[in-house]
Amino acid sequence: MIIGVLTLEFFLEYSHSLKEKRRFLQSFTDRLKQRFNVSVSEIAFQDSWQRTTIAVAVVNSQHYVVEQVLTRILDEARSCPEALLSGHQLSYY
């Protein structure tokens, strides 16, 4: 069994409140869950309205499947018009 974890750090330049940030997070995490069948959680900067860090986890028996899903999610994060991807980290267990 392979567990892949992708950590994404976003900067939300146009967010002016926690409500706007949460609206982005809800939309983005729901889209990832529905499209890729992954687990997603905000793991840092919960009280900051312009920064957030989320973790995305994928479990599969095939390493290449986990890598493929996380690569597609990273591409999705890079092309997100509402937020700037300021950093990411990919880990396998």
Protein backbone atom coordinates (compact mmCIF):
# COMPACT_ATOMS: atom_id res chain seq x y z
CA MET A 1 0.00 0.00 0.00
CA ILE A 2 1.32 3.41 -1.00
CA ILE A 3 0.26 6.63 0.72
CA GLY A 4 0.97 9.89 -1.07
CA VAL A 5 0.69 13.27 0.63
CA LEU A 6 0.83 16.54 -1.25
CA THR A 7 1.10 19.72 0.81
CA LEU A 8 0.03 22.90 -0.99
CA GLU A 9 0.63 26.42 0.28
CA PHE A 10 -1.48 29.18 -1.26
CA PHE A 11 -1.38 32.95 -1.14
CA LEU A 12 -4.81 34.51 -1.65
CA GLU A 13 -3.97 37.99 -2.87
CA TYR A 14 -7.57 39.13 -3.34
CA SER A 15 -8.98 37.71 -0.13
CA HIS A 16 -9.99 40.37 2.38
CA SER A 17 -11.57 38.22 5.08
CA LEU A 18 -11.66 34.74 6.52
CA LYS A 19 -15.07 34.32 4.89
CA GLU A 20 -13.59 34.87 1.41
CA LYS A 21 -10.72 32.50 2.19
CA ARG A 22 -13.11 29.81 3.40
CA ARG A 23 -15.21 30.23 0.27
CA PHE A 24 -12.11 29.52 -1.85
CA LEU A 25 -11.11 26.57 0.36
CA GLN A 26 -14.57 25.01 0.27
CA SER A 27 -14.77 25.29 -3.50
CA PHE A 28 -11.23 24.03 -4.13
CA THR A 29 -11.33 21.13 -1.65
CA ASP A 30 -14.78 20.01 -2.83
CA ARG A 31 -13.55 20.03 -6.43
CA LEU A 32 -10.50 17.90 -5.51
CA LYS A 33 -12.57 15.43 -3.48
CA GLN A 34 -15.13 15.00 -6.23
CA ARG A 35 -12.73 14.86 -9.17
CA PHE A 36 -9.91 12.77 -7.64
CA ASN A 37 -11.47 10.90 -4.68
CA VAL A 38 -8.86 12.15 -2.18
CA SER A 39 -8.81 13.35 1.41
CA VAL A 40 -8.15 17.07 1.89
CA SER A 41 -7.65 19.17 5.00
CA GLU A 42 -6.41 22.65 5.87
CA ILE A 43 -3.37 22.12 8.09
CA ALA A 44 -1.95 25.60 8.71
CA PHE A 45 -2.80 29.31 8.76
CA GLN A 46 -6.41 28.75 9.79
CA ASP A 47 -6.64 32.28 11.23
CA SER A 48 -4.84 34.05 8.39
CA TRP A 49 -7.06 35.42 5.63
CA GLN A 50 -4.47 35.53 2.84
CA ARG A 51 -2.50 32.32 3.43
CA THR A 52 -3.45 28.69 3.72
CA THR A 53 -1.78 25.31 3.64
CA ILE A 54 -3.72 22.20 2.73
CA ALA A 55 -2.72 18.54 2.66
CA VAL A 56 -4.05 16.10 0.10
CA ALA A 57 -3.76 12.36 0.76
CA VAL A 58 -4.11 9.47 -1.70
CA VAL A 59 -3.92 5.75 -0.93
CA ASN A 60 -3.52 3.03 -3.57
CA SER A 61 -1.70 -0.24 -4.07
CA GLN A 62 0.09 1.08 -7.17
CA HIS A 63 2.80 3.75 -6.78
CA TYR A 64 2.29 5.10 -10.29
CA VAL A 65 -1.43 5.68 -9.64
CA VAL A 66 -0.68 7.71 -6.50
CA GLU A 67 1.99 9.70 -8.33
CA GLN A 68 -0.30 10.34 -11.30
CA VAL A 69 -3.19 11.58 -9.12
CA LEU A 70 -0.96 13.89 -7.07
CA THR A 71 0.66 15.28 -10.22
CA ARG A 72 -2.76 16.08 -11.67
CA ILE A 73 -3.75 17.78 -8.40
CA LEU A 74 -0.55 19.84 -8.45
CA ASP A 75 -1.36 20.93 -12.01
CA GLU A 76 -4.86 21.87 -10.86
CA ALA A 77 -3.41 23.94 -7.99
CA ARG A 78 -0.95 25.71 -10.29
CA SER A 79 -3.73 26.72 -12.69
CA CYS A 80 -6.11 27.94 -9.98
CA PRO A 81 -7.05 31.55 -10.86
CA GLU A 82 -8.25 32.49 -7.35
CA ALA A 83 -4.95 31.80 -5.55
CA LEU A 84 -1.23 31.72 -6.12
CA LEU A 85 0.53 28.45 -5.32
CA SER A 86 3.48 29.62 -3.25
CA GLY A 87 4.91 26.21 -2.34
CA HIS A 88 4.34 22.48 -2.33
CA GLN A 89 5.84 19.29 -0.94
CA LEU A 90 5.29 15.73 -2.09
CA SER A 91 5.86 12.72 0.18
CA TYR A 92 5.31 8.97 -0.19
CA TYR A 93 4.98 6.44 2.59
